[in-house]
Amino acid sequence: MRKTITRCVVCLAALVVLAGCMGRVRHPNYYTLNLPAPPDPPPAENAHSTLAVREFRAPAYLRQGAIVYKTSPEQIGFYAYHRWAIDPRTFVTNSIIDHVRASGAFAHVRSYDGSRAADYLLSGHLEKLEEIDYQGGIKVQVAMSAEMTSFTTGAVVWSNGVSEIGDVSTHDVPAVVSEMDRTMQRAIEKLLTPLSADWASGKISSQKNQP
């Protein structure tokens, strides 16, 4: 009888502990980069060409949703409870469209829908968006590249690539995301500034797409 009571007490205690553990369910935290849209001035008087921007590509590990950290150049880790609210390719592509549109270099800038109803196509690759834990202190790295092709000739008329690193003051995920935000803005500006400069200087020939 005493053994039976003891077993019952042990089982009840185990159930209480299990219920307590189940009650402490941890839910993911979701983040997005706050990339402010630049001012949207009217296009310059001599802007006649149009541009379509294809959604940027990214490695598979950046598309899984979890925020990425690296403890060595070869080892990739994922925060189980800290995730992106939207696909990083989406907010990068949207920010690229906003920045190119604000430059005033093109008469019209839009998302690429698969049609050839534009003069040029801008394609890009988000190569890195990660926390770095192996170079002394906590850092973040953003790397991306882009190229512009002519729909008329199929030729690449412009290309550029950048890699930016930012220092994180405190090792917590909100601070990491805030630094990713600042580093991403610098990377986008450095990526696209040569495009506006080359277009204004005539290094990229303006041409209308022929039907």
C-alpha atoms as a PDB file:
ATOM      1  CA  MET A   1       0.000   0.000   0.000  1.00  0.00           C
ATOM      2  CA  ARG A   2       2.794   2.398   0.938  1.00  0.00           C
ATOM      3  CA  LYS A   3       4.577   1.587  -2.339  1.00  0.00           C
ATOM      4  CA  THR A   4       1.408   2.367  -4.257  1.00  0.00           C
ATOM      5  CA  ILE A   5       0.983   5.707  -2.478  1.00  0.00           C
ATOM      6  CA  THR A   6       4.631   6.547  -3.082  1.00  0.00           C
ATOM      7  CA  ARG A   7       4.278   5.802  -6.796  1.00  0.00           C
ATOM      8  CA  CYS A   8       1.195   7.991  -6.974  1.00  0.00           C
ATOM      9  CA  VAL A   9       2.987  10.863  -5.260  1.00  0.00           C
ATOM     10  CA  VAL A  10       5.950  10.546  -7.618  1.00  0.00           C
ATOM     11  CA  CYS A  11       3.656  10.480 -10.668  1.00  0.00           C
ATOM     12  CA  LEU A  12       1.735  13.522  -9.450  1.00  0.00           C
ATOM     13  CA  ALA A  13       4.971  15.401  -8.846  1.00  0.00           C
ATOM     14  CA  ALA A  14       6.171  14.533 -12.338  1.00  0.00           C
ATOM     15  CA  LEU A  15       2.888  15.724 -13.818  1.00  0.00           C
ATOM     16  CA  VAL A  16       3.167  19.029 -11.948  1.00  0.00           C
ATOM     17  CA  VAL A  17       6.707  19.571 -13.242  1.00  0.00           C
ATOM     18  CA  LEU A  18       5.640  18.647 -16.787  1.00  0.00           C
ATOM     19  CA  ALA A  19       2.667  20.994 -16.636  1.00  0.00           C
ATOM     20  CA  GLY A  20       4.950  23.785 -15.449  1.00  0.00           C
ATOM     21  CA  CYS A  21       7.329  23.193 -18.333  1.00  0.00           C
ATOM     22  CA  MET A  22       4.490  23.123 -20.827  1.00  0.00           C
ATOM     23  CA  GLY A  23       3.168  26.376 -19.406  1.00  0.00           C
ATOM     24  CA  ARG A  24       6.435  28.141 -20.194  1.00  0.00           C
ATOM     25  CA  VAL A  25       6.142  27.935 -23.972  1.00  0.00           C
ATOM     26  CA  ARG A  26       8.565  30.311 -25.642  1.00  0.00           C
ATOM     27  CA  HIS A  27       7.318  32.193 -28.669  1.00  0.00           C
ATOM     28  CA  PRO A  28       9.598  33.581 -31.396  1.00  0.00           C
ATOM     29  CA  ASN A  29      10.434  37.273 -31.640  1.00  0.00           C
ATOM     30  CA  TYR A  30      10.062  38.761 -35.116  1.00  0.00           C
ATOM     31  CA  TYR A  31      12.120  41.582 -36.623  1.00  0.00           C
ATOM     32  CA  THR A  32      12.349  43.613 -39.788  1.00  0.00           C
ATOM     33  CA  LEU A  33      14.850  46.157 -41.033  1.00  0.00           C
ATOM     34  CA  ASN A  34      13.640  49.745 -40.868  1.00  0.00           C
ATOM     35  CA  LEU A  35      15.027  51.074 -44.132  1.00  0.00           C
ATOM     36  CA  PRO A  36      13.560  54.575 -44.552  1.00  0.00           C
ATOM     37  CA  ALA A  37      12.428  55.510 -48.021  1.00  0.00           C
ATOM     38  CA  PRO A  38      14.448  58.366 -49.514  1.00  0.00           C
ATOM     39  CA  PRO A  39      12.610  61.424 -50.852  1.00  0.00           C
ATOM     40  CA  ASP A  40      10.894  60.785 -54.154  1.00  0.00           C
ATOM     41  CA  PRO A  41      11.650  63.755 -56.411  1.00  0.00           C
ATOM     42  CA  PRO A  42      10.270  64.041 -59.927  1.00  0.00           C
ATOM     43  CA  PRO A  43      12.581  62.592 -62.579  1.00  0.00           C
ATOM     44  CA  ALA A  44      15.041  64.863 -64.289  1.00  0.00           C
ATOM     45  CA  GLU A  45      13.892  66.481 -67.515  1.00  0.00           C
ATOM     46  CA  ASN A  46      16.225  64.301 -69.571  1.00  0.00           C
ATOM     47  CA  ALA A  47      15.105  61.031 -67.892  1.00  0.00           C
ATOM     48  CA  HIS A  48      13.347  58.988 -70.565  1.00  0.00           C
ATOM     49  CA  SER A  49      14.433  55.394 -69.907  1.00  0.00           C
ATOM     50  CA  THR A  50      12.515  52.988 -67.682  1.00  0.00           C
ATOM     51  CA  LEU A  51      13.822  50.373 -65.263  1.00  0.00           C
ATOM     52  CA  ALA A  52      12.425  47.120 -63.865  1.00  0.00           C
ATOM     53  CA  VAL A  53      13.937  45.678 -60.671  1.00  0.00           C
ATOM     54  CA  ARG A  54      13.917  41.924 -60.229  1.00  0.00           C
ATOM     55  CA  GLU A  55      13.600  40.496 -56.700  1.00  0.00           C
ATOM     56  CA  PHE A  56      17.087  40.059 -55.280  1.00  0.00           C
ATOM     57  CA  ARG A  57      18.366  36.514 -54.895  1.00  0.00           C
ATOM     58  CA  ALA A  58      19.887  35.182 -51.651  1.00  0.00           C
ATOM     59  CA  PRO A  59      21.488  31.964 -50.390  1.00  0.00           C
ATOM     60  CA  ALA A  60      19.066  29.326 -49.090  1.00  0.00           C
ATOM     61  CA  TYR A  61      20.197  29.777 -45.477  1.00  0.00           C
ATOM     62  CA  LEU A  62      19.171  33.453 -45.549  1.00  0.00           C
ATOM     63  CA  ARG A  63      15.694  32.505 -46.764  1.00  0.00           C
ATOM     64  CA  GLN A  64      14.832  30.182 -43.856  1.00  0.00           C
ATOM     65  CA  GLY A  65      13.520  32.999 -41.669  1.00  0.00           C
ATOM     66  CA  ALA A  66      15.905  32.731 -38.709  1.00  0.00           C
ATOM     67  CA  ILE A  67      18.460  35.464 -38.027  1.00  0.00           C
ATOM     68  CA  VAL A  68      21.907  34.106 -38.853  1.00  0.00           C
ATOM     69  CA  TYR A  69      25.126  34.218 -36.849  1.00  0.00           C
ATOM     70  CA  LYS A  70      28.561  32.800 -37.632  1.00  0.00           C
ATOM     71  CA  THR A  71      31.049  31.587 -35.021  1.00  0.00           C
ATOM     72  CA  SER A  72      33.691  30.929 -37.699  1.00  0.00           C
ATOM     73  CA  PRO A  73      33.978  31.510 -41.450  1.00  0.00           C
ATOM     74  CA  GLU A  74      32.775  27.940 -41.992  1.00  0.00           C
ATOM     75  CA  GLN A  75      30.087  27.537 -39.298  1.00  0.00           C
ATOM     76  CA  ILE A  76      26.590  29.004 -39.613  1.00  0.00           C
ATOM     77  CA  GLY A  77      24.151  29.178 -36.699  1.00  0.00           C
ATOM     78  CA  PHE A  78      20.502  30.201 -36.467  1.00  0.00           C
ATOM     79  CA  TYR A  79      18.662  31.933 -33.632  1.00  0.00           C
ATOM     80  CA  ALA A  80      15.766  29.603 -32.848  1.00  0.00           C
ATOM     81  CA  TYR A  81      13.535  32.320 -31.342  1.00  0.00           C
ATOM     82  CA  HIS A  82      14.627  35.377 -33.330  1.00  0.00           C
ATOM     83  CA  ARG A  83      13.314  35.458 -36.874  1.00  0.00           C
ATOM     84  CA  TRP A  84      12.699  37.871 -39.755  1.00  0.00           C
ATOM     85  CA  ALA A  85       9.089  38.950 -40.117  1.00  0.00           C
ATOM     86  CA  ILE A  86       9.446  39.040 -43.910  1.00  0.00           C
ATOM     87  CA  ASP A  87      11.873  37.519 -46.392  1.00  0.00           C
ATOM     88  CA  PRO A  88      15.075  39.644 -46.408  1.00  0.00           C
ATOM     89  CA  ARG A  89      14.945  39.646 -50.205  1.00  0.00           C
ATOM     90  CA  THR A  90      11.667  41.567 -50.039  1.00  0.00           C
ATOM     91  CA  PHE A  91      12.788  44.497 -47.921  1.00  0.00           C
ATOM     92  CA  VAL A  92      16.109  44.743 -49.783  1.00  0.00           C
ATOM     93  CA  THR A  93      14.392  44.788 -53.180  1.00  0.00           C
ATOM     94  CA  ASN A  94      11.831  47.360 -52.063  1.00  0.00           C
ATOM     95  CA  SER A  95      14.552  49.603 -50.671  1.00  0.00           C
ATOM     96  CA  ILE A  96      16.553  49.328 -53.903  1.00  0.00           C
ATOM     97  CA  ILE A  97      13.476  50.396 -55.890  1.00  0.00           C
ATOM     98  CA  ASP A  98      12.921  53.375 -53.580  1.00  0.00           C
ATOM     99  CA  HIS A  99      16.544  54.527 -53.842  1.00  0.00           C
ATOM    100  CA  VAL A 100      16.742  54.222 -57.639  1.00  0.00           C
ATOM    101  CA  ARG A 101      13.409  55.986 -58.018  1.00  0.00           C
ATOM    102  CA  ALA A 102      14.601  58.812 -55.758  1.00  0.00           C
ATOM    103  CA  SER A 103      17.727  59.310 -57.863  1.00  0.00           C
ATOM    104  CA  GLY A 104      15.604  60.755 -60.683  1.00  0.00           C
ATOM    105  CA  ALA A 105      17.723  58.985 -63.290  1.00  0.00           C
ATOM    106  CA  PHE A 106      14.803  57.033 -64.756  1.00  0.00           C
ATOM    107  CA  ALA A 107      11.398  58.134 -65.942  1.00  0.00           C
ATOM    108  CA  HIS A 108       9.800  55.124 -64.249  1.00  0.00           C
ATOM    109  CA  VAL A 109      11.030  52.423 -61.839  1.00  0.00           C
ATOM    110  CA  ARG A 110       8.914  49.386 -60.972  1.00  0.00           C
ATOM    111  CA  SER A 111       9.102  45.783 -59.810  1.00  0.00           C
ATOM    112  CA  TYR A 112       9.881  43.269 -62.539  1.00  0.00           C
ATOM    113  CA  ASP A 113       6.783  41.256 -63.454  1.00  0.00           C
ATOM    114  CA  GLY A 114       8.313  39.045 -66.131  1.00  0.00           C
ATOM    115  CA  SER A 115       7.474  41.320 -69.032  1.00  0.00           C
ATOM    116  CA  ARG A 116       9.905  43.292 -71.169  1.00  0.00           C
ATOM    117  CA  ALA A 117       7.979  46.547 -70.838  1.00  0.00           C
ATOM    118  CA  ALA A 118      11.040  48.479 -69.681  1.00  0.00           C
ATOM    119  CA  ASP A 119      14.356  49.573 -71.139  1.00  0.00           C
ATOM    120  CA  TYR A 120      16.586  48.066 -68.459  1.00  0.00           C
ATOM    121  CA  LEU A 121      16.484  45.278 -65.880  1.00  0.00           C
ATOM    122  CA  LEU A 122      18.278  45.548 -62.539  1.00  0.00           C
ATOM    123  CA  SER A 123      19.061  42.195 -60.893  1.00  0.00           C
ATOM    124  CA  GLY A 124      20.882  41.622 -57.629  1.00  0.00           C
ATOM    125  CA  HIS A 125      22.110  39.175 -55.029  1.00  0.00           C
ATOM    126  CA  LEU A 126      21.963  39.592 -51.245  1.00  0.00           C
ATOM    127  CA  GLU A 127      25.042  37.577 -50.367  1.00  0.00           C
ATOM    128  CA  LYS A 128      25.418  38.160 -46.615  1.00  0.00           C
ATOM    129  CA  LEU A 129      23.188  39.391 -43.807  1.00  0.00           C
ATOM    130  CA  GLU A 130      24.624  37.938 -40.614  1.00  0.00           C
ATOM    131  CA  GLU A 131      26.097  38.422 -37.182  1.00  0.00           C
ATOM    132  CA  ILE A 132      29.833  37.709 -36.933  1.00  0.00           C
ATOM    133  CA  ASP A 133      31.208  36.389 -33.626  1.00  0.00           C
ATOM    134  CA  TYR A 134      34.775  35.449 -34.511  1.00  0.00           C
ATOM    135  CA  GLN A 135      36.669  38.628 -35.451  1.00  0.00           C
ATOM    136  CA  GLY A 136      36.973  40.180 -32.007  1.00  0.00           C
ATOM    137  CA  GLY A 137      33.784  41.687 -30.607  1.00  0.00           C
ATOM    138  CA  ILE A 138      30.357  41.317 -32.154  1.00  0.00           C
ATOM    139  CA  LYS A 139      29.905  42.574 -35.705  1.00  0.00           C
ATOM    140  CA  VAL A 140      27.413  42.331 -38.545  1.00  0.00           C
ATOM    141  CA  GLN A 141      28.149  41.945 -42.237  1.00  0.00           C
ATOM    142  CA  VAL A 142      26.027  42.886 -45.222  1.00  0.00           C
ATOM    143  CA  ALA A 143      27.201  42.055 -48.737  1.00  0.00           C
ATOM    144  CA  MET A 144      25.331  42.457 -52.004  1.00  0.00           C
ATOM    145  CA  SER A 145      25.880  42.883 -55.714  1.00  0.00           C
ATOM    146  CA  ALA A 146      23.785  44.081 -58.645  1.00  0.00           C
ATOM    147  CA  GLU A 147      23.913  44.439 -62.406  1.00  0.00           C
ATOM    148  CA  MET A 148      21.819  46.230 -64.982  1.00  0.00           C
ATOM    149  CA  THR A 149      21.128  44.779 -68.418  1.00  0.00           C
ATOM    150  CA  SER A 150      19.563  46.271 -71.514  1.00  0.00           C
ATOM    151  CA  PHE A 151      16.367  44.595 -72.684  1.00  0.00           C
ATOM    152  CA  THR A 152      17.192  45.747 -76.216  1.00  0.00           C
ATOM    153  CA  THR A 153      20.653  44.230 -76.521  1.00  0.00           C
ATOM    154  CA  GLY A 154      20.825  41.830 -73.587  1.00  0.00           C
ATOM    155  CA  ALA A 155      24.185  43.338 -72.636  1.00  0.00           C
ATOM    156  CA  VAL A 156      25.246  44.123 -69.072  1.00  0.00           C
ATOM    157  CA  VAL A 157      25.671  47.914 -68.996  1.00  0.00           C
ATOM    158  CA  TRP A 158      26.521  48.348 -65.302  1.00  0.00           C
ATOM    159  CA  SER A 159      27.480  46.237 -62.286  1.00  0.00           C
ATOM    160  CA  ASN A 160      28.733  46.771 -58.735  1.00  0.00           C
ATOM    161  CA  GLY A 161      29.286  44.882 -55.490  1.00  0.00           C
ATOM    162  CA  VAL A 162      29.772  46.014 -51.875  1.00  0.00           C
ATOM    163  CA  SER A 163      30.485  44.519 -48.461  1.00  0.00           C
ATOM    164  CA  GLU A 164      29.937  46.494 -45.257  1.00  0.00           C
ATOM    165  CA  ILE A 165      30.753  45.576 -41.640  1.00  0.00           C
ATOM    166  CA  GLY A 166      29.291  47.245 -38.562  1.00  0.00           C
ATOM    167  CA  ASP A 167      30.190  46.968 -34.867  1.00  0.00           C
ATOM    168  CA  VAL A 168      27.541  45.936 -32.320  1.00  0.00           C
ATOM    169  CA  SER A 169      27.772  47.691 -28.950  1.00  0.00           C
ATOM    170  CA  THR A 170      25.912  45.075 -26.865  1.00  0.00           C
ATOM    171  CA  HIS A 171      25.484  41.383 -27.565  1.00  0.00           C
ATOM    172  CA  ASP A 172      21.736  41.034 -27.775  1.00  0.00           C
ATOM    173  CA  VAL A 173      19.596  40.378 -30.823  1.00  0.00           C
ATOM    174  CA  PRO A 174      17.764  43.757 -30.911  1.00  0.00           C
ATOM    175  CA  ALA A 175      21.145  45.516 -30.937  1.00  0.00           C
ATOM    176  CA  VAL A 176      22.353  43.188 -33.694  1.00  0.00           C
ATOM    177  CA  VAL A 177      19.271  43.938 -35.809  1.00  0.00           C
ATOM    178  CA  SER A 178      19.670  47.693 -35.259  1.00  0.00           C
ATOM    179  CA  GLU A 179      23.254  47.528 -36.516  1.00  0.00           C
ATOM    180  CA  MET A 180      22.160  45.384 -39.470  1.00  0.00           C
ATOM    181  CA  ASP A 181      19.721  48.167 -40.296  1.00  0.00           C
ATOM    182  CA  ARG A 182      22.433  50.846 -40.304  1.00  0.00           C
ATOM    183  CA  THR A 183      24.893  48.630 -42.168  1.00  0.00           C
ATOM    184  CA  MET A 184      22.289  47.701 -44.773  1.00  0.00           C
ATOM    185  CA  GLN A 185      21.547  51.368 -45.444  1.00  0.00           C
ATOM    186  CA  ARG A 186      25.244  52.106 -45.986  1.00  0.00           C
ATOM    187  CA  ALA A 187      25.594  49.090 -48.281  1.00  0.00           C
ATOM    188  CA  ILE A 188      22.624  50.107 -50.442  1.00  0.00           C
ATOM    189  CA  GLU A 189      23.892  53.678 -50.767  1.00  0.00           C
ATOM    190  CA  LYS A 190      27.386  52.500 -51.759  1.00  0.00           C
ATOM    191  CA  LEU A 191      25.911  49.991 -54.185  1.00  0.00           C
ATOM    192  CA  LEU A 192      23.701  52.481 -56.016  1.00  0.00           C
ATOM    193  CA  THR A 193      25.672  55.748 -55.872  1.00  0.00           C
ATOM    194  CA  PRO A 194      27.917  54.676 -58.791  1.00  0.00           C
ATOM    195  CA  LEU A 195      24.817  53.830 -60.847  1.00  0.00           C
ATOM    196  CA  SER A 196      23.490  57.378 -60.547  1.00  0.00           C
ATOM    197  CA  ALA A 197      26.951  58.843 -61.178  1.00  0.00           C
ATOM    198  CA  ASP A 198      27.627  56.673 -64.232  1.00  0.00           C
ATOM    199  CA  TRP A 199      24.196  57.452 -65.649  1.00  0.00           C
ATOM    200  CA  ALA A 200      24.612  61.196 -65.150  1.00  0.00           C
ATOM    201  CA  SER A 201      28.079  61.173 -66.726  1.00  0.00           C
ATOM    202  CA  GLY A 202      26.925  59.278 -69.795  1.00  0.00           C
ATOM    203  CA  LYS A 203      28.945  56.119 -69.092  1.00  0.00           C
ATOM    204  CA  ILE A 204      25.661  54.226 -69.418  1.00  0.00           C
ATOM    205  CA  SER A 205      23.971  55.001 -72.707  1.00  0.00           C
ATOM    206  CA  SER A 206      20.317  55.975 -72.460  1.00  0.00           C
ATOM    207  CA  GLN A 207      18.161  54.116 -74.909  1.00  0.00           C
ATOM    208  CA  LYS A 208      14.498  53.390 -75.429  1.00  0.00           C
ATOM    209  CA  ASN A 209      13.415  49.774 -75.718  1.00  0.00           C
ATOM    210  CA  GLN A 210      12.107  48.993 -79.152  1.00  0.00           C
ATOM    211  CA  PRO A 211       8.863  46.983 -79.381  1.00  0.00           C
END
